[in-house]
Amino acid sequence: MSFKKADISLLIVDDDEVSRTLLGRRLESEEYQVDTAKSGPEALEKMTVERFDLVLLDLMMPGMNGDEVLYQMRCDPLLNDTIVMMLTADSDKQNVVTCL
């Protein structure tokens, strides 16, 4: 099975605008379809409207953090099979283990 990068839709969820922008530009330059959200609630709202092949989700966000967003996704039958890659600058291994 072959695919085109342009057929793969990604959602970047990060409260840091610079991180969202840099990662988004890099992925767009590789011809992926990219959308962004600056918060967990915004991401969940976007996921109810559009299906994403991969969600790049920041672990450390104010309000609803990444593991709370992931929990909500796994509880939702329409989102529970979405592939999620957690991102973090945090070096606390316990946070990483929690996501796993």
C-alpha atoms as a PDB file:
ATOM      1  CA  MET A   1       0.000   0.000   0.000  1.00  0.00           C
ATOM      2  CA  SER A   2       1.409   3.366  -0.949  1.00  0.00           C
ATOM      3  CA  PHE A   3       0.409   6.740   0.378  1.00  0.00           C
ATOM      4  CA  LYS A   4       1.223  10.355  -0.221  1.00  0.00           C
ATOM      5  CA  LYS A   5       2.285  12.569   2.644  1.00  0.00           C
ATOM      6  CA  ALA A   6      -0.288  15.092   1.451  1.00  0.00           C
ATOM      7  CA  ASP A   7      -2.976  12.540   2.353  1.00  0.00           C
ATOM      8  CA  ILE A   8      -1.847  12.364   6.006  1.00  0.00           C
ATOM      9  CA  SER A   9      -3.447  14.873   8.366  1.00  0.00           C
ATOM     10  CA  LEU A  10      -1.706  15.878  11.570  1.00  0.00           C
ATOM     11  CA  LEU A  11      -2.877  17.888  14.551  1.00  0.00           C
ATOM     12  CA  ILE A  12      -0.220  19.619  16.637  1.00  0.00           C
ATOM     13  CA  VAL A  13      -1.408  20.467  20.156  1.00  0.00           C
ATOM     14  CA  ASP A  14       0.907  22.749  22.119  1.00  0.00           C
ATOM     15  CA  ASP A  15       0.347  25.853  24.222  1.00  0.00           C
ATOM     16  CA  ASP A  16       3.691  27.287  23.066  1.00  0.00           C
ATOM     17  CA  GLU A  17       3.150  29.250  19.861  1.00  0.00           C
ATOM     18  CA  VAL A  18       6.792  29.037  18.774  1.00  0.00           C
ATOM     19  CA  SER A  19       6.829  25.237  19.147  1.00  0.00           C
ATOM     20  CA  ARG A  20       3.547  24.894  17.243  1.00  0.00           C
ATOM     21  CA  THR A  21       4.751  27.140  14.458  1.00  0.00           C
ATOM     22  CA  LEU A  22       8.194  25.577  14.049  1.00  0.00           C
ATOM     23  CA  LEU A  23       6.919  22.007  14.094  1.00  0.00           C
ATOM     24  CA  GLY A  24       4.004  22.887  11.831  1.00  0.00           C
ATOM     25  CA  ARG A  25       6.231  24.573   9.252  1.00  0.00           C
ATOM     26  CA  ARG A  26       8.655  21.658   9.272  1.00  0.00           C
ATOM     27  CA  LEU A  27       5.898  19.113   8.707  1.00  0.00           C
ATOM     28  CA  GLU A  28       4.214  21.260   6.063  1.00  0.00           C
ATOM     29  CA  SER A  29       7.561  21.499   4.236  1.00  0.00           C
ATOM     30  CA  GLU A  30       7.449  17.691   4.115  1.00  0.00           C
ATOM     31  CA  GLU A  31       3.988  18.060   2.491  1.00  0.00           C
ATOM     32  CA  TYR A  32       1.863  16.795   5.390  1.00  0.00           C
ATOM     33  CA  GLN A  33      -1.538  18.377   6.053  1.00  0.00           C
ATOM     34  CA  VAL A  34      -1.127  20.213   9.356  1.00  0.00           C
ATOM     35  CA  ASP A  35      -3.589  21.832  11.728  1.00  0.00           C
ATOM     36  CA  THR A  36      -2.805  23.208  15.179  1.00  0.00           C
ATOM     37  CA  ALA A  37      -4.490  23.750  18.520  1.00  0.00           C
ATOM     38  CA  LYS A  38      -3.190  25.822  21.424  1.00  0.00           C
ATOM     39  CA  SER A  39      -5.040  23.949  24.170  1.00  0.00           C
ATOM     40  CA  GLY A  40      -6.553  20.611  25.065  1.00  0.00           C
ATOM     41  CA  PRO A  41     -10.168  21.783  24.784  1.00  0.00           C
ATOM     42  CA  GLU A  42      -9.478  23.354  21.380  1.00  0.00           C
ATOM     43  CA  ALA A  43      -7.864  20.107  20.196  1.00  0.00           C
ATOM     44  CA  LEU A  44     -10.803  17.984  21.347  1.00  0.00           C
ATOM     45  CA  GLU A  45     -13.205  20.352  19.601  1.00  0.00           C
ATOM     46  CA  LYS A  46     -11.237  20.135  16.347  1.00  0.00           C
ATOM     47  CA  MET A  47     -11.156  16.345  16.585  1.00  0.00           C
ATOM     48  CA  THR A  48     -14.961  16.229  16.757  1.00  0.00           C
ATOM     49  CA  VAL A  49     -15.138  18.050  13.414  1.00  0.00           C
ATOM     50  CA  GLU A  50     -12.184  16.543  11.547  1.00  0.00           C
ATOM     51  CA  ARG A  51     -10.459  13.164  11.600  1.00  0.00           C
ATOM     52  CA  PHE A  52      -6.669  13.292  12.058  1.00  0.00           C
ATOM     53  CA  ASP A  53      -4.277  10.465  11.245  1.00  0.00           C
ATOM     54  CA  LEU A  54      -1.869  11.511  13.987  1.00  0.00           C
ATOM     55  CA  VAL A  55      -2.066  13.878  16.956  1.00  0.00           C
ATOM     56  CA  LEU A  56       1.190  15.342  18.261  1.00  0.00           C
ATOM     57  CA  LEU A  57       0.257  16.212  21.826  1.00  0.00           C
ATOM     58  CA  ASP A  58       2.282  18.270  24.308  1.00  0.00           C
ATOM     59  CA  LEU A  59       2.277  16.748  27.768  1.00  0.00           C
ATOM     60  CA  MET A  60       2.752  19.962  29.748  1.00  0.00           C
ATOM     61  CA  MET A  61      -0.010  22.496  29.038  1.00  0.00           C
ATOM     62  CA  PRO A  62      -1.927  24.771  31.411  1.00  0.00           C
ATOM     63  CA  GLY A  63      -5.523  23.928  32.130  1.00  0.00           C
ATOM     64  CA  MET A  64      -6.054  20.562  30.462  1.00  0.00           C
ATOM     65  CA  ASN A  65      -2.666  18.897  30.089  1.00  0.00           C
ATOM     66  CA  GLY A  66      -1.726  16.275  27.510  1.00  0.00           C
ATOM     67  CA  ASP A  67      -2.503  13.208  29.590  1.00  0.00           C
ATOM     68  CA  GLU A  68      -5.980  14.605  30.348  1.00  0.00           C
ATOM     69  CA  VAL A  69      -6.564  15.159  26.631  1.00  0.00           C
ATOM     70  CA  LEU A  70      -5.369  11.617  25.926  1.00  0.00           C
ATOM     71  CA  TYR A  71      -7.711  10.247  28.605  1.00  0.00           C
ATOM     72  CA  GLN A  72     -10.671  12.100  27.043  1.00  0.00           C
ATOM     73  CA  MET A  73      -9.717  10.738  23.627  1.00  0.00           C
ATOM     74  CA  ARG A  74      -9.530   7.157  24.895  1.00  0.00           C
ATOM     75  CA  CYS A  75     -12.972   7.497  26.526  1.00  0.00           C
ATOM     76  CA  ASP A  76     -14.553   8.720  23.281  1.00  0.00           C
ATOM     77  CA  PRO A  77     -15.502   5.904  20.868  1.00  0.00           C
ATOM     78  CA  LEU A  78     -14.931   8.221  17.897  1.00  0.00           C
ATOM     79  CA  LEU A  79     -11.412   9.202  19.015  1.00  0.00           C
ATOM     80  CA  ASN A  80     -10.115   6.194  20.929  1.00  0.00           C
ATOM     81  CA  ASP A  81      -8.274   4.683  17.956  1.00  0.00           C
ATOM     82  CA  THR A  82      -6.520   7.924  16.954  1.00  0.00           C
ATOM     83  CA  ILE A  83      -2.745   7.586  16.981  1.00  0.00           C
ATOM     84  CA  VAL A  84      -1.159   9.959  19.491  1.00  0.00           C
ATOM     85  CA  MET A  85       2.472  10.893  19.921  1.00  0.00           C
ATOM     86  CA  MET A  86       3.186  12.637  23.209  1.00  0.00           C
ATOM     87  CA  LEU A  87       5.743  15.437  23.171  1.00  0.00           C
ATOM     88  CA  THR A  88       7.460  16.968  26.166  1.00  0.00           C
ATOM     89  CA  ALA A  89      10.495  18.960  27.155  1.00  0.00           C
ATOM     90  CA  ASP A  90      10.027  17.632  30.689  1.00  0.00           C
ATOM     91  CA  SER A  91      12.749  15.263  31.869  1.00  0.00           C
ATOM     92  CA  ASP A  92      10.601  13.775  34.672  1.00  0.00           C
ATOM     93  CA  LYS A  93      10.421  10.074  33.846  1.00  0.00           C
ATOM     94  CA  GLN A  94       7.255   9.652  35.910  1.00  0.00           C
ATOM     95  CA  ASN A  95       5.349  11.932  33.518  1.00  0.00           C
ATOM     96  CA  VAL A  96       6.489   9.807  30.591  1.00  0.00           C
ATOM     97  CA  VAL A  97       5.470   6.605  32.384  1.00  0.00           C
ATOM     98  CA  THR A  98       2.052   8.097  33.179  1.00  0.00           C
ATOM     99  CA  CYS A  99       1.391   8.657  29.463  1.00  0.00           C
ATOM    100  CA  LEU A 100       2.416   5.126  28.589  1.00  0.00           C
END
